[in-house]
Amino acid sequence: MGNPLRAIALTVDEPSPGLFYWTLLESGSGRRTFDQHVAAADDAYDSFEKAARAGLLRWLRLAGDDVRHGPRQPRVHQPLVPQPGPWTRSTQTATSDQA
C-alpha cells in the first residue's frame, strides 16, 4: 500500500470566555477516534475564526510541498523478494554445495 492520507481533525476550544485555542488531533488507531496530539496553539486567540484559521494553516503545513494531496503517512519501503522458483537457490542446494 502507498502512503494514505493522515486522519487529522482540527478542534477549537474556549477554556475561558474570549480565549480560543486550536488543536490538531490524529486518529492513530485507524478508527475515527482522534486520540493522538499532533500540534496545538501556544497562545490564545481573541476569536474562534482566528484560532480556526491558524489551526488550518498549521494543518496545511503538515502536507509540506504537496498541499494538493494533503499530509500523508510516511511511505513504507518493502524490498522486493523474489518468489521461489527455478531461478532461486534452495537452502538444501546451498548446504550440499558447501559440504
PDB file of N, CA and C in Angstrom:
ATOM      1  N   MET A   1       0.848  -1.171   0.000  1.00  0.00           N
ATOM      2  CA  MET A   1       0.000   0.000   0.000  1.00  0.00           C
ATOM      3  C   MET A   1       0.893   1.233   0.000  1.00  0.00           C
ATOM      4  N   GLY A   2       0.432   2.306  -0.618  1.00  0.00           N
ATOM      5  CA  GLY A   2       1.193   3.550  -0.699  1.00  0.00           C
ATOM      6  C   GLY A   2       1.248   4.264   0.635  1.00  0.00           C
ATOM      7  N   ASN A   3       1.074   5.542   0.574  1.00  0.00           N
ATOM      8  CA  ASN A   3       1.055   6.311   1.812  1.00  0.00           C
ATOM      9  C   ASN A   3      -0.288   7.018   1.922  1.00  0.00           C
ATOM     10  N   PRO A   4      -1.202   6.468   2.739  1.00  0.00           N
ATOM     11  CA  PRO A   4      -2.547   7.012   2.850  1.00  0.00           C
ATOM     12  C   PRO A   4      -2.566   8.377   3.544  1.00  0.00           C
ATOM     13  N   LEU A   5      -3.629   9.107   3.298  1.00  0.00           N
ATOM     14  CA  LEU A   5      -3.853  10.401   3.933  1.00  0.00           C
ATOM     15  C   LEU A   5      -3.981  10.214   5.443  1.00  0.00           C
ATOM     16  N   ARG A   6      -3.336  11.087   6.184  1.00  0.00           N
ATOM     17  CA  ARG A   6      -3.441  11.023   7.639  1.00  0.00           C
ATOM     18  C   ARG A   6      -4.811  11.542   8.076  1.00  0.00           C
ATOM     19  N   ALA A   7      -5.448  10.860   9.003  1.00  0.00           N
ATOM     20  CA  ALA A   7      -6.750  11.277   9.533  1.00  0.00           C
ATOM     21  C   ALA A   7      -6.506  12.286  10.651  1.00  0.00           C
ATOM     22  N   ILE A   8      -6.636  13.564  10.317  1.00  0.00           N
ATOM     23  CA  ILE A   8      -6.358  14.642  11.265  1.00  0.00           C
ATOM     24  C   ILE A   8      -7.603  15.501  11.418  1.00  0.00           C
ATOM     25  N   ALA A   9      -7.898  15.904  12.648  1.00  0.00           N
ATOM     26  CA  ALA A   9      -9.043  16.756  12.941  1.00  0.00           C
ATOM     27  C   ALA A   9      -8.563  18.046  13.609  1.00  0.00           C
ATOM     28  N   LEU A  10      -9.204  19.139  13.256  1.00  0.00           N
ATOM     29  CA  LEU A  10      -8.930  20.446  13.859  1.00  0.00           C
ATOM     30  C   LEU A  10     -10.045  20.745  14.851  1.00  0.00           C
ATOM     31  N   THR A  11      -9.669  21.074  16.071  1.00  0.00           N
ATOM     32  CA  THR A  11     -10.654  21.476  17.070  1.00  0.00           C
ATOM     33  C   THR A  11     -10.293  22.855  17.587  1.00  0.00           C
ATOM     34  N   VAL A  12     -11.284  23.593  18.046  1.00  0.00           N
ATOM     35  CA  VAL A  12     -11.077  24.893  18.685  1.00  0.00           C
ATOM     36  C   VAL A  12     -11.824  24.856  20.008  1.00  0.00           C
ATOM     37  N   ASP A  13     -11.106  25.168  21.071  1.00  0.00           N
ATOM     38  CA  ASP A  13     -11.695  25.193  22.412  1.00  0.00           C
ATOM     39  C   ASP A  13     -11.672  26.618  22.953  1.00  0.00           C
ATOM     40  N   GLU A  14     -12.609  26.894  23.861  1.00  0.00           N
ATOM     41  CA  GLU A  14     -12.669  28.185  24.545  1.00  0.00           C
ATOM     42  C   GLU A  14     -12.688  27.910  26.057  1.00  0.00           C
ATOM     43  N   PRO A  15     -11.495  27.670  26.656  1.00  0.00           N
ATOM     44  CA  PRO A  15     -11.462  27.330  28.081  1.00  0.00           C
ATOM     45  C   PRO A  15     -11.882  28.485  28.994  1.00  0.00           C
ATOM     46  N   SER A  16     -11.685  29.702  28.524  1.00  0.00           N
ATOM     47  CA  SER A  16     -12.135  30.900  29.241  1.00  0.00           C
ATOM     48  C   SER A  16     -12.833  31.794  28.228  1.00  0.00           C
ATOM     49  N   PRO A  17     -13.834  32.553  28.652  1.00  0.00           N
ATOM     50  CA  PRO A  17     -14.554  33.409  27.701  1.00  0.00           C
ATOM     51  C   PRO A  17     -13.612  34.320  26.907  1.00  0.00           C
ATOM     52  N   GLY A  18     -13.700  34.218  25.566  1.00  0.00           N
ATOM     53  CA  GLY A  18     -12.902  35.080  24.690  1.00  0.00           C
ATOM     54  C   GLY A  18     -11.495  34.601  24.416  1.00  0.00           C
ATOM     55  N   LEU A  19     -11.102  33.432  24.952  1.00  0.00           N
ATOM     56  CA  LEU A  19      -9.762  32.878  24.702  1.00  0.00           C
ATOM     57  C   LEU A  19      -9.917  31.559  23.955  1.00  0.00           C
ATOM     58  N   PHE A  20      -9.454  31.536  22.711  1.00  0.00           N
ATOM     59  CA  PHE A  20      -9.645  30.377  21.838  1.00  0.00           C
ATOM     60  C   PHE A  20      -8.308  29.727  21.502  1.00  0.00           C
ATOM     61  N   TYR A  21      -8.277  28.413  21.570  1.00  0.00           N
ATOM     62  CA  TYR A  21      -7.078  27.635  21.252  1.00  0.00           C
ATOM     63  C   TYR A  21      -7.438  26.575  20.219  1.00  0.00           C
ATOM     64  N   TRP A  22      -6.569  26.390  19.234  1.00  0.00           N
ATOM     65  CA  TRP A  22      -6.766  25.320  18.255  1.00  0.00           C
ATOM     66  C   TRP A  22      -5.898  24.135  18.629  1.00  0.00           C
ATOM     67  N   THR A  23      -6.323  22.952  18.237  1.00  0.00           N
ATOM     68  CA  THR A  23      -5.574  21.712  18.446  1.00  0.00           C
ATOM     69  C   THR A  23      -5.779  20.815  17.231  1.00  0.00           C
ATOM     70  N   LEU A  24      -4.706  20.167  16.796  1.00  0.00           N
ATOM     71  CA  LEU A  24      -4.798  19.154  15.744  1.00  0.00           C
ATOM     72  C   LEU A  24      -4.651  17.790  16.402  1.00  0.00           C
ATOM     73  N   LEU A  25      -5.592  16.915  16.141  1.00  0.00           N
ATOM     74  CA  LEU A  25      -5.586  15.559  16.684  1.00  0.00           C
ATOM     75  C   LEU A  25      -5.582  14.568  15.534  1.00  0.00           C
ATOM     76  N   GLU A  26      -4.950  13.418  15.755  1.00  0.00           N
ATOM     77  CA  GLU A  26      -4.863  12.403  14.718  1.00  0.00           C
ATOM     78  C   GLU A  26      -5.435  11.090  15.222  1.00  0.00           C
ATOM     79  N   SER A  27      -6.042  10.368  14.315  1.00  0.00           N
ATOM     80  CA  SER A  27      -6.555   9.041  14.627  1.00  0.00           C
ATOM     81  C   SER A  27      -5.427   8.044  14.419  1.00  0.00           C
ATOM     82  N   GLY A  28      -4.864   7.558  15.496  1.00  0.00           N
ATOM     83  CA  GLY A  28      -3.738   6.639  15.397  1.00  0.00           C
ATOM     84  C   GLY A  28      -4.154   5.186  15.298  1.00  0.00           C
ATOM     85  N   SER A  29      -5.392   4.904  15.617  1.00  0.00           N
ATOM     86  CA  SER A  29      -5.827   3.513  15.667  1.00  0.00           C
ATOM     87  C   SER A  29      -6.545   3.074  14.399  1.00  0.00           C
ATOM     88  N   GLY A  30      -6.661   3.954  13.413  1.00  0.00           N
ATOM     89  CA  GLY A  30      -7.364   3.600  12.200  1.00  0.00           C
ATOM     90  C   GLY A  30      -8.863   3.801  12.301  1.00  0.00           C
ATOM     91  N   ARG A  31      -9.368   3.977  13.499  1.00  0.00           N
ATOM     92  CA  ARG A  31     -10.784   4.281  13.692  1.00  0.00           C
ATOM     93  C   ARG A  31     -10.950   5.794  13.662  1.00  0.00           C
ATOM     94  N   ARG A  32     -12.128   6.267  13.748  1.00  0.00           N
ATOM     95  CA  ARG A  32     -12.364   7.707  13.751  1.00  0.00           C
ATOM     96  C   ARG A  32     -12.354   8.268  15.175  1.00  0.00           C
ATOM     97  N   THR A  33     -11.487   7.741  15.998  1.00  0.00           N
ATOM     98  CA  THR A  33     -11.251   8.268  17.333  1.00  0.00           C
ATOM     99  C   THR A  33      -9.955   9.051  17.270  1.00  0.00           C
ATOM    100  N   PHE A  34     -10.031  10.336  17.486  1.00  0.00           N
ATOM    101  CA  PHE A  34      -8.859  11.200  17.366  1.00  0.00           C
ATOM    102  C   PHE A  34      -8.226  11.352  18.740  1.00  0.00           C
ATOM    103  N   ASP A  35      -7.188  10.562  18.971  1.00  0.00           N
ATOM    104  CA  ASP A  35      -6.618  10.462  20.303  1.00  0.00           C
ATOM    105  C   ASP A  35      -5.132  10.816  20.383  1.00  0.00           C
ATOM    106  N   GLN A  36      -4.511  11.128  19.257  1.00  0.00           N
ATOM    107  CA  GLN A  36      -3.083  11.474  19.280  1.00  0.00           C
ATOM    108  C   GLN A  36      -2.911  12.961  18.989  1.00  0.00           C
ATOM    109  N   HIS A  37      -2.215  13.634  19.882  1.00  0.00           N
ATOM    110  CA  HIS A  37      -1.959  15.066  19.745  1.00  0.00           C
ATOM    111  C   HIS A  37      -0.915  15.296  18.657  1.00  0.00           C
ATOM    112  N   VAL A  38      -1.206  16.170  17.690  1.00  0.00           N
ATOM    113  CA  VAL A  38      -0.278  16.493  16.608  1.00  0.00           C
ATOM    114  C   VAL A  38       0.359  17.847  16.849  1.00  0.00           C
ATOM    115  N   ALA A  39      -0.467  18.863  17.108  1.00  0.00           N
ATOM    116  CA  ALA A  39       0.018  20.227  17.337  1.00  0.00           C
ATOM    117  C   ALA A  39      -1.085  21.014  18.027  1.00  0.00           C
ATOM    118  N   ALA A  40      -0.692  22.117  18.677  1.00  0.00           N
ATOM    119  CA  ALA A  40      -1.670  22.962  19.352  1.00  0.00           C
ATOM    120  C   ALA A  40      -1.149  24.387  19.432  1.00  0.00           C
ATOM    121  N   ALA A  41      -2.071  25.304  19.612  1.00  0.00           N
ATOM    122  CA  ALA A  41      -1.716  26.721  19.754  1.00  0.00           C
ATOM    123  C   ALA A  41      -0.956  26.927  21.056  1.00  0.00           C
ATOM    124  N   ASP A  42       0.098  27.711  20.993  1.00  0.00           N
ATOM    125  CA  ASP A  42       0.843  28.071  22.202  1.00  0.00           C
ATOM    126  C   ASP A  42       0.165  29.221  22.930  1.00  0.00           C
ATOM    127  N   ASP A  43      -0.452  30.119  22.162  1.00  0.00           N
ATOM    128  CA  ASP A  43      -1.097  31.299  22.727  1.00  0.00           C
ATOM    129  C   ASP A  43      -2.564  31.340  22.320  1.00  0.00           C
ATOM    130  N   ALA A  44      -3.356  32.044  23.118  1.00  0.00           N
ATOM    131  CA  ALA A  44      -4.786  32.163  22.845  1.00  0.00           C
ATOM    132  C   ALA A  44      -5.042  33.171  21.733  1.00  0.00           C
ATOM    133  N   TYR A  45      -6.144  32.980  21.027  1.00  0.00           N
ATOM    134  CA  TYR A  45      -6.633  33.911  20.011  1.00  0.00           C
ATOM    135  C   TYR A  45      -7.890  34.568  20.565  1.00  0.00           C
ATOM    136  N   ASP A  46      -8.182  35.780  20.085  1.00  0.00           N
ATOM    137  CA  ASP A  46      -9.332  36.508  20.621  1.00  0.00           C
ATOM    138  C   ASP A  46     -10.637  36.208  19.884  1.00  0.00           C
ATOM    139  N   SER A  47     -10.587  35.301  18.912  1.00  0.00           N
ATOM    140  CA  SER A  47     -11.824  34.892  18.245  1.00  0.00           C
ATOM    141  C   SER A  47     -11.695  33.453  17.762  1.00  0.00           C
ATOM    142  N   PHE A  48     -12.850  32.832  17.612  1.00  0.00           N
ATOM    143  CA  PHE A  48     -12.892  31.483  17.078  1.00  0.00           C
ATOM    144  C   PHE A  48     -12.300  31.460  15.677  1.00  0.00           C
ATOM    145  N   GLU A  49     -12.663  32.437  14.862  1.00  0.00           N
ATOM    146  CA  GLU A  49     -12.197  32.472  13.473  1.00  0.00           C
ATOM    147  C   GLU A  49     -10.677  32.538  13.382  1.00  0.00           C
ATOM    148  N   LYS A  50     -10.052  33.375  14.173  1.00  0.00           N
ATOM    149  CA  LYS A  50      -8.581  33.487  14.145  1.00  0.00           C
ATOM    150  C   LYS A  50      -7.928  32.177  14.567  1.00  0.00           C
ATOM    151  N   ALA A  51      -8.477  31.546  15.591  1.00  0.00           N
ATOM    152  CA  ALA A  51      -7.917  30.272  16.057  1.00  0.00           C
ATOM    153  C   ALA A  51      -8.097  29.194  14.991  1.00  0.00           C
ATOM    154  N   ALA A  52      -9.270  29.143  14.378  1.00  0.00           N
ATOM    155  CA  ALA A  52      -9.531  28.130  13.357  1.00  0.00           C
ATOM    156  C   ALA A  52      -8.633  28.338  12.143  1.00  0.00           C
ATOM    157  N   ARG A  53      -8.458  29.583  11.721  1.00  0.00           N
ATOM    158  CA  ARG A  53      -7.586  29.861  10.572  1.00  0.00           C
ATOM    159  C   ARG A  53      -6.134  29.489  10.875  1.00  0.00           C
ATOM    160  N   ALA A  54      -5.660  29.809  12.076  1.00  0.00           N
ATOM    161  CA  ALA A  54      -4.284  29.472  12.457  1.00  0.00           C
ATOM    162  C   ALA A  54      -4.095  27.961  12.498  1.00  0.00           C
ATOM    163  N   GLY A  55      -5.076  27.237  13.025  1.00  0.00           N
ATOM    164  CA  GLY A  55      -5.003  25.784  13.059  1.00  0.00           C
ATOM    165  C   GLY A  55      -5.016  25.187  11.663  1.00  0.00           C
ATOM    166  N   LEU A  56      -5.828  25.751  10.778  1.00  0.00           N
ATOM    167  CA  LEU A  56      -5.883  25.265   9.405  1.00  0.00           C
ATOM    168  C   LEU A  56      -4.552  25.500   8.690  1.00  0.00           C
ATOM    169  N   LEU A  57      -3.940  26.657   8.905  1.00  0.00           N
ATOM    170  CA  LEU A  57      -2.627  26.920   8.295  1.00  0.00           C
ATOM    171  C   LEU A  57      -1.586  25.923   8.781  1.00  0.00           C
ATOM    172  N   ARG A  58      -1.617  25.600  10.069  1.00  0.00           N
ATOM    173  CA  ARG A  58      -0.668  24.604  10.601  1.00  0.00           C
ATOM    174  C   ARG A  58      -0.934  23.241   9.990  1.00  0.00           C
ATOM    175  N   TRP A  59      -2.193  22.895   9.818  1.00  0.00           N
ATOM    176  CA  TRP A  59      -2.588  21.631   9.209  1.00  0.00           C
ATOM    177  C   TRP A  59      -2.070  21.551   7.781  1.00  0.00           C
ATOM    178  N   LEU A  60      -2.218  22.630   7.035  1.00  0.00           N
ATOM    179  CA  LEU A  60      -1.719  22.654   5.659  1.00  0.00           C
ATOM    180  C   LEU A  60      -0.201  22.502   5.610  1.00  0.00           C
ATOM    181  N   ARG A  61       0.501  23.061   6.583  1.00  0.00           N
ATOM    182  CA  ARG A  61       1.966  22.919   6.615  1.00  0.00           C
ATOM    183  C   ARG A  61       2.394  21.477   6.833  1.00  0.00           C
ATOM    184  N   LEU A  62       1.537  20.665   7.446  1.00  0.00           N
ATOM    185  CA  LEU A  62       1.861  19.241   7.628  1.00  0.00           C
ATOM    186  C   LEU A  62       1.988  18.525   6.285  1.00  0.00           C
ATOM    187  N   ALA A  63       1.354  19.086   5.256  1.00  0.00           N
ATOM    188  CA  ALA A  63       1.420  18.476   3.928  1.00  0.00           C
ATOM    189  C   ALA A  63       2.741  18.774   3.238  1.00  0.00           C
ATOM    190  N   GLY A  64       3.526  19.676   3.770  1.00  0.00           N
ATOM    191  CA  GLY A  64       4.802  20.021   3.143  1.00  0.00           C
ATOM    192  C   GLY A  64       4.584  20.701   1.813  1.00  0.00           C
ATOM    193  N   ASP A  65       5.292  20.250   0.809  1.00  0.00           N
ATOM    194  CA  ASP A  65       5.196  20.856  -0.518  1.00  0.00           C
ATOM    195  C   ASP A  65       3.978  20.392  -1.304  1.00  0.00           C
ATOM    196  N   ASP A  66       3.261  19.395  -0.815  1.00  0.00           N
ATOM    197  CA  ASP A  66       2.167  18.823  -1.586  1.00  0.00           C
ATOM    198  C   ASP A  66       0.810  19.103  -0.936  1.00  0.00           C
ATOM    199  N   VAL A  67       0.427  20.389  -0.866  1.00  0.00           N
ATOM    200  CA  VAL A  67      -0.857  20.721  -0.240  1.00  0.00           C
ATOM    201  C   VAL A  67      -2.040  20.243  -1.076  1.00  0.00           C
ATOM    202  N   ARG A  68      -1.797  19.938  -2.332  1.00  0.00           N
ATOM    203  CA  ARG A  68      -2.886  19.442  -3.184  1.00  0.00           C
ATOM    204  C   ARG A  68      -3.363  18.061  -2.717  1.00  0.00           C
ATOM    205  N   HIS A  69      -2.454  17.243  -2.190  1.00  0.00           N
ATOM    206  CA  HIS A  69      -2.797  15.883  -1.772  1.00  0.00           C
ATOM    207  C   HIS A  69      -2.870  15.715  -0.258  1.00  0.00           C
ATOM    208  N   GLY A  70      -2.414  16.697   0.495  1.00  0.00           N
ATOM    209  CA  GLY A  70      -2.546  16.658   1.944  1.00  0.00           C
ATOM    210  C   GLY A  70      -1.452  15.879   2.648  1.00  0.00           C
ATOM    211  N   PRO A  71      -1.473  15.941   3.990  1.00  0.00           N
ATOM    212  CA  PRO A  71      -0.466  15.226   4.777  1.00  0.00           C
ATOM    213  C   PRO A  71      -0.672  13.719   4.685  1.00  0.00           C
ATOM    214  N   ARG A  72       0.394  13.017   4.396  1.00  0.00           N
ATOM    215  CA  ARG A  72       0.332  11.567   4.182  1.00  0.00           C
ATOM    216  C   ARG A  72       1.157  10.822   5.219  1.00  0.00           C
ATOM    217  N   GLN A  73       0.816   9.555   5.390  1.00  0.00           N
ATOM    218  CA  GLN A  73       1.630   8.666   6.216  1.00  0.00           C
ATOM    219  C   GLN A  73       2.968   8.482   5.505  1.00  0.00           C
ATOM    220  N   PRO A  74       4.050   8.277   6.243  1.00  0.00           N
ATOM    221  CA  PRO A  74       5.334   8.009   5.577  1.00  0.00           C
ATOM    222  C   PRO A  74       5.238   6.750   4.723  1.00  0.00           C
ATOM    223  N   ARG A  75       5.938   6.778   3.612  1.00  0.00           N
ATOM    224  CA  ARG A  75       5.972   5.584   2.746  1.00  0.00           C
ATOM    225  C   ARG A  75       6.736   4.483   3.465  1.00  0.00           C
ATOM    226  N   VAL A  76       6.218   3.278   3.347  1.00  0.00           N
ATOM    227  CA  VAL A  76       6.879   2.113   3.933  1.00  0.00           C
ATOM    228  C   VAL A  76       7.623   1.411   2.815  1.00  0.00           C
ATOM    229  N   HIS A  77       8.927   1.301   2.979  1.00  0.00           N
ATOM    230  CA  HIS A  77       9.746   0.639   1.970  1.00  0.00           C
ATOM    231  C   HIS A  77       9.681  -0.862   2.188  1.00  0.00           C
ATOM    232  N   GLN A  78       9.229  -1.555   1.171  1.00  0.00           N
ATOM    233  CA  GLN A  78       9.175  -3.012   1.231  1.00  0.00           C
ATOM    234  C   GLN A  78      10.079  -3.540   0.127  1.00  0.00           C
ATOM    235  N   PRO A  79      11.195  -4.155   0.513  1.00  0.00           N
ATOM    236  CA  PRO A  79      12.110  -4.658  -0.513  1.00  0.00           C
ATOM    237  C   PRO A  79      11.450  -5.757  -1.347  1.00  0.00           C
ATOM    238  N   LEU A  80      11.827  -5.793  -2.588  1.00  0.00           N
ATOM    239  CA  LEU A  80      11.309  -6.841  -3.468  1.00  0.00           C
ATOM    240  C   LEU A  80      11.986  -8.163  -3.128  1.00  0.00           C
ATOM    241  N   VAL A  81      11.190  -9.165  -2.912  1.00  0.00           N
ATOM    242  CA  VAL A  81      11.702 -10.501  -2.602  1.00  0.00           C
ATOM    243  C   VAL A  81      11.193 -11.433  -3.692  1.00  0.00           C
ATOM    244  N   PRO A  82      12.096 -12.065  -4.421  1.00  0.00           N
ATOM    245  CA  PRO A  82      11.627 -12.942  -5.493  1.00  0.00           C
ATOM    246  C   PRO A  82      10.874 -14.134  -4.935  1.00  0.00           C
ATOM    247  N   GLN A  83       9.879 -14.550  -5.675  1.00  0.00           N
ATOM    248  CA  GLN A  83       9.132 -15.745  -5.302  1.00  0.00           C
ATOM    249  C   GLN A  83      10.008 -16.965  -5.572  1.00  0.00           C
ATOM    250  N   PRO A  84       9.893 -18.012  -4.753  1.00  0.00           N
ATOM    251  CA  PRO A  84      10.674 -19.224  -5.006  1.00  0.00           C
ATOM    252  C   PRO A  84      10.337 -19.794  -6.382  1.00  0.00           C
ATOM    253  N   GLY A  85      11.314 -20.297  -7.024  1.00  0.00           N
ATOM    254  CA  GLY A  85      11.133 -20.880  -8.348  1.00  0.00           C
ATOM    255  C   GLY A  85      12.450 -21.446  -8.843  1.00  0.00           C
ATOM    256  N   PRO A  86      12.520 -21.853 -10.092  1.00  0.00           N
ATOM    257  CA  PRO A  86      13.748 -22.462 -10.604  1.00  0.00           C
ATOM    258  C   PRO A  86      14.914 -21.476 -10.640  1.00  0.00           C
ATOM    259  N   TRP A  87      14.654 -20.191 -10.559  1.00  0.00           N
ATOM    260  CA  TRP A  87      15.720 -19.192 -10.610  1.00  0.00           C
ATOM    261  C   TRP A  87      16.308 -18.883  -9.241  1.00  0.00           C
ATOM    262  N   THR A  88      15.692 -19.413  -8.148  1.00  0.00           N
ATOM    263  CA  THR A  88      16.232 -19.194  -6.800  1.00  0.00           C
ATOM    264  C   THR A  88      16.906 -20.465  -6.313  1.00  0.00           C
ATOM    265  N   ARG A  89      17.908 -20.270  -5.501  1.00  0.00           N
ATOM    266  CA  ARG A  89      18.642 -21.395  -4.934  1.00  0.00           C
ATOM    267  C   ARG A  89      17.986 -21.838  -3.652  1.00  0.00           C
ATOM    268  N   SER A  90      17.721 -23.087  -3.515  1.00  0.00           N
ATOM    269  CA  SER A  90      17.114 -23.560  -2.275  1.00  0.00           C
ATOM    270  C   SER A  90      18.182 -23.672  -1.201  1.00  0.00           C
ATOM    271  N   THR A  91      17.764 -23.710   0.037  1.00  0.00           N
ATOM    272  CA  THR A  91      18.724 -23.819   1.140  1.00  0.00           C
ATOM    273  C   THR A  91      19.399 -25.201   1.139  1.00  0.00           C
ATOM    274  N   GLN A  92      18.710 -26.240   0.660  1.00  0.00           N
ATOM    275  CA  GLN A  92      19.297 -27.581   0.609  1.00  0.00           C
ATOM    276  C   GLN A  92      20.431 -27.607  -0.402  1.00  0.00           C
ATOM    277  N   THR A  93      20.242 -26.938  -1.550  1.00  0.00           N
ATOM    278  CA  THR A  93      21.304 -26.911  -2.555  1.00  0.00           C
ATOM    279  C   THR A  93      22.501 -26.139  -2.019  1.00  0.00           C
ATOM    280  N   ALA A  94      22.233 -25.033  -1.334  1.00  0.00           N
ATOM    281  CA  ALA A  94      23.332 -24.219  -0.814  1.00  0.00           C
ATOM    282  C   ALA A  94      24.096 -25.010   0.249  1.00  0.00           C
ATOM    283  N   THR A  95      23.401 -25.780   1.077  1.00  0.00           N
ATOM    284  CA  THR A  95      24.047 -26.572   2.119  1.00  0.00           C
ATOM    285  C   THR A  95      24.884 -27.682   1.506  1.00  0.00           C
ATOM    286  N   SER A  96      24.342 -28.395   0.507  1.00  0.00           N
ATOM    287  CA  SER A  96      25.074 -29.502  -0.092  1.00  0.00           C
ATOM    288  C   SER A  96      26.266 -28.998  -0.906  1.00  0.00           C
ATOM    289  N   ASP A  97      26.202 -27.794  -1.481  1.00  0.00           N
ATOM    290  CA  ASP A  97      27.327 -27.241  -2.210  1.00  0.00           C
ATOM    291  C   ASP A  97      28.481 -26.868  -1.275  1.00  0.00           C
ATOM    292  N   GLN A  98      28.114 -26.462  -0.055  1.00  0.00           N
ATOM    293  CA  GLN A  98      29.142 -26.018   0.888  1.00  0.00           C
ATOM    294  C   GLN A  98      29.825 -27.192   1.559  1.00  0.00           C
ATOM    295  N   ALA A  99      29.219 -28.374   1.565  1.00  0.00           N
ATOM    296  CA  ALA A  99      29.761 -29.538   2.269  1.00  0.00           C
ATOM    297  C   ALA A  99      30.967 -30.128   1.584  1.00  0.00           C
TER     298      ALA A  99
END
